Structures are given as C-alpha cells and as structure tokens.
Amino acid sequence: MDTFLPREIYLIIGILIFAFLIFLLFFTDNSKKEEERNQKGLNKPNNELGKENSINLNLAITYSEMNQIDKAKELLNKITLDQLEEEEKNTYQTISQKLK
C-alpha cells in the first residue's frame, strides 16, 4: 500500500503531460505558418511561367505524336516564344511546321 499512492500520482501526471502534448500538437495556431506558405506561393509564379511554357511544349509534342492535332495546336497557341530557350524554340518551330 505504501507504493500505490506514488504510482497513481505518477500515472496521473504522465496522463496529464501526454494530454497537454496532444493539445499542443492539434490546437496550436498555425496562422504564421500559413501566411509564410502563402507568401512563398505568391513569389513563385514569376519563375513558374517558363516552366509552364516548357510543359505546354512537351504536351504539344506528345499530342502530335498521338495524332491529336487540335489539342497540340491549342497548347502551341498558349506558349509565349519570348520565354523559351533556343532549343525549345527550335522544337516549337518543328512541331508547328509539322502540324500545318
């Protein structure tokens, strides 16, 4: 009986600490993290535009190989030539000539 009370107290303290940690994990305010994510998301589109053109070019190549010429032409119309690299410009010209 002498050790029953201290064990019970340690168990209660352990449960309280566990409950407090769970509370901290689930109910903390993540608004600062969300604001940082949003700010990072707003800064990315400037760099992403070139990637979007590359993706559209690759999709146009794929569609032209599958003989889906309408979809390939639509994707080629979305591409801005100013932001393509030389190799991509050559590919663009080759695909556009093939689709005519």
N, C-alpha and C. Protein backbone atom coordinates (compact mmCIF):
# COMPACT_ATOMS: atom_id res chain seq x y z
N MET A 1 0.80 -1.19 0.00
CA MET A 1 0.00 0.00 0.00
C MET A 1 0.84 1.26 0.00
N ASP A 2 2.05 1.15 0.48
CA ASP A 2 2.89 2.35 0.57
C ASP A 2 3.24 2.89 -0.81
N THR A 3 3.45 2.01 -1.79
CA THR A 3 3.87 2.48 -3.11
C THR A 3 2.70 2.72 -4.05
N PHE A 4 1.48 2.41 -3.63
CA PHE A 4 0.33 2.56 -4.50
C PHE A 4 0.03 4.04 -4.80
N LEU A 5 0.07 4.88 -3.83
CA LEU A 5 -0.24 6.30 -4.00
C LEU A 5 0.78 6.99 -4.90
N PRO A 6 2.09 6.82 -4.70
CA PRO A 6 3.04 7.47 -5.62
C PRO A 6 2.91 6.97 -7.07
N ARG A 7 2.63 5.67 -7.25
CA ARG A 7 2.46 5.17 -8.61
C ARG A 7 1.24 5.81 -9.26
N GLU A 8 0.19 5.94 -8.50
CA GLU A 8 -1.03 6.54 -9.03
C GLU A 8 -0.79 8.01 -9.38
N ILE A 9 -0.05 8.70 -8.57
CA ILE A 9 0.26 10.10 -8.84
C ILE A 9 1.12 10.21 -10.11
N TYR A 10 2.11 9.34 -10.25
CA TYR A 10 2.94 9.36 -11.45
C TYR A 10 2.12 9.05 -12.70
N LEU A 11 1.17 8.15 -12.58
CA LEU A 11 0.31 7.83 -13.71
C LEU A 11 -0.54 9.03 -14.10
N ILE A 12 -1.10 9.69 -13.13
CA ILE A 12 -1.93 10.87 -13.40
C ILE A 12 -1.09 11.98 -14.02
N ILE A 13 0.10 12.20 -13.49
CA ILE A 13 0.99 13.22 -14.04
C ILE A 13 1.37 12.87 -15.48
N GLY A 14 1.66 11.62 -15.73
CA GLY A 14 2.01 11.18 -17.08
C GLY A 14 0.86 11.37 -18.06
N ILE A 15 -0.33 11.04 -17.63
CA ILE A 15 -1.51 11.23 -18.49
C ILE A 15 -1.73 12.71 -18.76
N LEU A 16 -1.57 13.54 -17.76
CA LEU A 16 -1.74 14.98 -17.95
C LEU A 16 -0.70 15.54 -18.92
N ILE A 17 0.54 15.10 -18.78
CA ILE A 17 1.59 15.56 -19.70
C ILE A 17 1.29 15.10 -21.12
N PHE A 18 0.86 13.86 -21.27
CA PHE A 18 0.50 13.33 -22.59
C PHE A 18 -0.65 14.13 -23.20
N ALA A 19 -1.68 14.41 -22.39
CA ALA A 19 -2.83 15.18 -22.88
C ALA A 19 -2.41 16.60 -23.27
N PHE A 20 -1.52 17.20 -22.51
CA PHE A 20 -1.03 18.54 -22.82
C PHE A 20 -0.26 18.56 -24.14
N LEU A 21 0.57 17.54 -24.37
CA LEU A 21 1.31 17.46 -25.62
C LEU A 21 0.39 17.27 -26.82
N ILE A 22 -0.63 16.44 -26.66
CA ILE A 22 -1.61 16.25 -27.72
C ILE A 22 -2.34 17.57 -27.99
N PHE A 23 -2.70 18.27 -26.95
CA PHE A 23 -3.36 19.56 -27.09
C PHE A 23 -2.47 20.53 -27.86
N LEU A 24 -1.20 20.58 -27.53
CA LEU A 24 -0.29 21.48 -28.23
C LEU A 24 -0.15 21.11 -29.71
N LEU A 25 -0.12 19.84 -30.01
CA LEU A 25 0.03 19.42 -31.40
C LEU A 25 -1.19 19.77 -32.25
N PHE A 26 -2.36 19.60 -31.71
CA PHE A 26 -3.57 19.76 -32.52
C PHE A 26 -4.18 21.15 -32.47
N PHE A 27 -3.96 21.88 -31.43
CA PHE A 27 -4.68 23.14 -31.27
C PHE A 27 -3.79 24.38 -31.25
N THR A 28 -2.55 24.27 -31.68
CA THR A 28 -1.72 25.46 -31.75
C THR A 28 -2.10 26.27 -32.97
N ASP A 29 -1.84 27.53 -32.94
CA ASP A 29 -2.20 28.45 -34.02
C ASP A 29 -1.14 28.36 -35.12
N ASN A 30 -1.57 27.90 -36.28
CA ASN A 30 -0.66 27.75 -37.41
C ASN A 30 -0.81 28.89 -38.41
N SER A 31 -1.38 30.00 -37.99
CA SER A 31 -1.62 31.09 -38.93
C SER A 31 -0.32 31.67 -39.46
N LYS A 32 0.73 31.73 -38.65
CA LYS A 32 2.00 32.25 -39.12
C LYS A 32 2.58 31.35 -40.20
N LYS A 33 2.49 30.05 -40.01
CA LYS A 33 2.99 29.12 -41.00
C LYS A 33 2.19 29.22 -42.29
N GLU A 34 0.87 29.39 -42.18
CA GLU A 34 0.04 29.52 -43.35
C GLU A 34 0.35 30.81 -44.11
N GLU A 35 0.60 31.90 -43.39
CA GLU A 35 0.96 33.16 -44.04
C GLU A 35 2.28 33.03 -44.77
N GLU A 36 3.25 32.33 -44.17
CA GLU A 36 4.53 32.13 -44.83
C GLU A 36 4.36 31.29 -46.10
N ARG A 37 3.53 30.26 -46.04
CA ARG A 37 3.27 29.44 -47.21
C ARG A 37 2.61 30.26 -48.32
N ASN A 38 1.67 31.12 -47.94
CA ASN A 38 1.00 31.95 -48.93
C ASN A 38 1.97 32.94 -49.57
N GLN A 39 2.86 33.50 -48.78
CA GLN A 39 3.84 34.44 -49.32
C GLN A 39 4.79 33.74 -50.28
N LYS A 40 5.20 32.53 -49.93
CA LYS A 40 6.06 31.77 -50.83
C LYS A 40 5.32 31.41 -52.10
N GLY A 41 4.05 31.11 -51.99
CA GLY A 41 3.23 30.78 -53.15
C GLY A 41 3.05 31.97 -54.07
N LEU A 42 2.99 33.18 -53.51
CA LEU A 42 2.84 34.37 -54.33
C LEU A 42 4.12 34.72 -55.06
N ASN A 43 5.25 34.38 -54.52
CA ASN A 43 6.52 34.70 -55.15
C ASN A 43 6.90 33.73 -56.26
N LYS A 44 6.32 32.56 -56.32
CA LYS A 44 6.72 31.55 -57.28
C LYS A 44 6.27 31.80 -58.71
N PRO A 45 5.09 32.38 -58.97
CA PRO A 45 4.62 32.44 -60.35
C PRO A 45 5.58 33.12 -61.32
N ASN A 46 6.42 34.05 -60.87
CA ASN A 46 7.37 34.67 -61.77
C ASN A 46 8.33 33.64 -62.35
N ASN A 47 8.76 32.70 -61.55
CA ASN A 47 9.70 31.69 -62.02
C ASN A 47 8.98 30.54 -62.72
N GLU A 48 7.71 30.37 -62.44
CA GLU A 48 6.97 29.22 -62.94
C GLU A 48 6.51 29.40 -64.39
N LEU A 49 6.50 30.64 -64.91
CA LEU A 49 5.96 30.86 -66.23
C LEU A 49 6.78 30.15 -67.30
N GLY A 50 8.09 30.18 -67.19
CA GLY A 50 8.94 29.46 -68.14
C GLY A 50 8.70 27.97 -68.09
N LYS A 51 8.50 27.47 -66.91
CA LYS A 51 8.22 26.04 -66.75
C LYS A 51 6.89 25.68 -67.40
N GLU A 52 5.91 26.57 -67.28
CA GLU A 52 4.61 26.32 -67.87
C GLU A 52 4.72 26.22 -69.40
N ASN A 53 5.54 27.08 -69.98
CA ASN A 53 5.75 27.02 -71.42
C ASN A 53 6.43 25.72 -71.83
N SER A 54 7.39 25.29 -71.05
CA SER A 54 8.07 24.03 -71.34
C SER A 54 7.12 22.84 -71.24
N ILE A 55 6.28 22.89 -70.23
CA ILE A 55 5.31 21.81 -70.04
C ILE A 55 4.33 21.78 -71.22
N ASN A 56 3.84 22.96 -71.61
CA ASN A 56 2.92 23.01 -72.75
C ASN A 56 3.59 22.52 -74.03
N LEU A 57 4.86 22.84 -74.21
CA LEU A 57 5.58 22.37 -75.39
C LEU A 57 5.71 20.85 -75.38
N ASN A 58 6.06 20.30 -74.25
CA ASN A 58 6.17 18.84 -74.14
C ASN A 58 4.83 18.15 -74.36
N LEU A 59 3.77 18.76 -73.84
CA LEU A 59 2.43 18.18 -74.06
C LEU A 59 2.03 18.27 -75.53
N ALA A 60 2.40 19.37 -76.18
CA ALA A 60 2.08 19.51 -77.60
C ALA A 60 2.82 18.46 -78.42
N ILE A 61 4.06 18.18 -78.06
CA ILE A 61 4.82 17.12 -78.74
C ILE A 61 4.13 15.78 -78.56
N THR A 62 3.71 15.52 -77.33
CA THR A 62 3.05 14.25 -77.03
C THR A 62 1.74 14.12 -77.81
N TYR A 63 0.95 15.19 -77.81
CA TYR A 63 -0.32 15.13 -78.55
C TYR A 63 -0.09 14.98 -80.05
N SER A 64 0.94 15.62 -80.58
CA SER A 64 1.21 15.48 -82.02
C SER A 64 1.63 14.06 -82.35
N GLU A 65 2.35 13.42 -81.45
CA GLU A 65 2.74 12.03 -81.68
C GLU A 65 1.54 11.09 -81.60
N MET A 66 0.51 11.48 -80.84
CA MET A 66 -0.69 10.66 -80.73
C MET A 66 -1.74 11.06 -81.77
N ASN A 67 -1.36 11.93 -82.70
CA ASN A 67 -2.24 12.41 -83.78
C ASN A 67 -3.47 13.15 -83.26
N GLN A 68 -3.34 13.82 -82.13
CA GLN A 68 -4.39 14.69 -81.62
C GLN A 68 -3.98 16.13 -81.91
N ILE A 69 -4.15 16.50 -83.16
CA ILE A 69 -3.59 17.75 -83.68
C ILE A 69 -4.29 18.97 -83.08
N ASP A 70 -5.58 18.90 -82.84
CA ASP A 70 -6.30 20.04 -82.28
C ASP A 70 -5.78 20.42 -80.91
N LYS A 71 -5.58 19.43 -80.06
CA LYS A 71 -5.07 19.71 -78.71
C LYS A 71 -3.63 20.22 -78.76
N ALA A 72 -2.84 19.68 -79.68
CA ALA A 72 -1.46 20.13 -79.82
C ALA A 72 -1.42 21.59 -80.27
N LYS A 73 -2.31 21.97 -81.20
CA LYS A 73 -2.35 23.37 -81.66
C LYS A 73 -2.79 24.30 -80.54
N GLU A 74 -3.74 23.87 -79.74
CA GLU A 74 -4.18 24.68 -78.61
C GLU A 74 -3.02 24.95 -77.65
N LEU A 75 -2.25 23.93 -77.38
CA LEU A 75 -1.11 24.10 -76.46
C LEU A 75 -0.04 24.98 -77.08
N LEU A 76 0.18 24.85 -78.36
CA LEU A 76 1.18 25.70 -79.02
C LEU A 76 0.75 27.16 -79.00
N ASN A 77 -0.55 27.42 -79.07
CA ASN A 77 -1.04 28.80 -79.02
C ASN A 77 -0.86 29.42 -77.64
N LYS A 78 -0.80 28.61 -76.60
CA LYS A 78 -0.62 29.12 -75.24
C LYS A 78 0.83 29.52 -74.95
N ILE A 79 1.76 29.05 -75.75
CA ILE A 79 3.18 29.25 -75.47
C ILE A 79 3.62 30.64 -75.94
N THR A 80 4.38 31.32 -75.08
CA THR A 80 4.99 32.59 -75.47
C THR A 80 6.45 32.31 -75.85
N LEU A 81 6.80 32.70 -77.06
CA LEU A 81 8.13 32.38 -77.59
C LEU A 81 9.25 33.13 -76.90
N ASP A 82 8.94 34.28 -76.31
CA ASP A 82 9.98 35.09 -75.68
C ASP A 82 10.64 34.38 -74.50
N GLN A 83 9.92 33.51 -73.86
CA GLN A 83 10.44 32.89 -72.65
C GLN A 83 10.97 31.48 -72.88
N LEU A 84 11.07 31.07 -74.13
CA LEU A 84 11.64 29.76 -74.43
C LEU A 84 13.13 29.87 -74.69
N GLU A 85 13.84 28.80 -74.42
CA GLU A 85 15.26 28.75 -74.74
C GLU A 85 15.41 28.40 -76.22
N GLU A 86 16.64 28.51 -76.73
CA GLU A 86 16.87 28.29 -78.16
C GLU A 86 16.46 26.88 -78.60
N GLU A 87 16.81 25.89 -77.83
CA GLU A 87 16.46 24.52 -78.18
C GLU A 87 14.94 24.33 -78.20
N GLU A 88 14.28 24.95 -77.22
CA GLU A 88 12.82 24.86 -77.17
C GLU A 88 12.17 25.60 -78.32
N LYS A 89 12.78 26.74 -78.73
CA LYS A 89 12.26 27.47 -79.89
C LYS A 89 12.36 26.64 -81.15
N ASN A 90 13.47 25.94 -81.31
CA ASN A 90 13.63 25.07 -82.47
C ASN A 90 12.59 23.96 -82.46
N THR A 91 12.36 23.39 -81.29
CA THR A 91 11.35 22.34 -81.16
C THR A 91 9.97 22.89 -81.46
N TYR A 92 9.70 24.09 -80.98
CA TYR A 92 8.41 24.74 -81.24
C TYR A 92 8.19 24.92 -82.74
N GLN A 93 9.20 25.42 -83.42
CA GLN A 93 9.08 25.64 -84.86
C GLN A 93 8.89 24.32 -85.61
N THR A 94 9.60 23.28 -85.19
CA THR A 94 9.47 21.97 -85.83
C THR A 94 8.06 21.42 -85.66
N ILE A 95 7.54 21.51 -84.45
CA ILE A 95 6.21 20.97 -84.17
C ILE A 95 5.16 21.80 -84.92
N SER A 96 5.28 23.14 -84.91
CA SER A 96 4.27 23.96 -85.57
C SER A 96 4.28 23.72 -87.08
N GLN A 97 5.44 23.49 -87.67
CA GLN A 97 5.50 23.17 -89.11
C GLN A 97 4.90 21.79 -89.40
N LYS A 98 5.10 20.85 -88.48
CA LYS A 98 4.56 19.51 -88.67
C LYS A 98 3.03 19.51 -88.59
N LEU A 99 2.48 20.42 -87.76
CA LEU A 99 1.04 20.44 -87.57
C LEU A 99 0.28 21.23 -88.64
N LYS A 100 0.95 21.97 -89.48
CA LYS A 100 0.27 22.75 -90.51
C LYS A 100 -0.33 21.93 -91.59
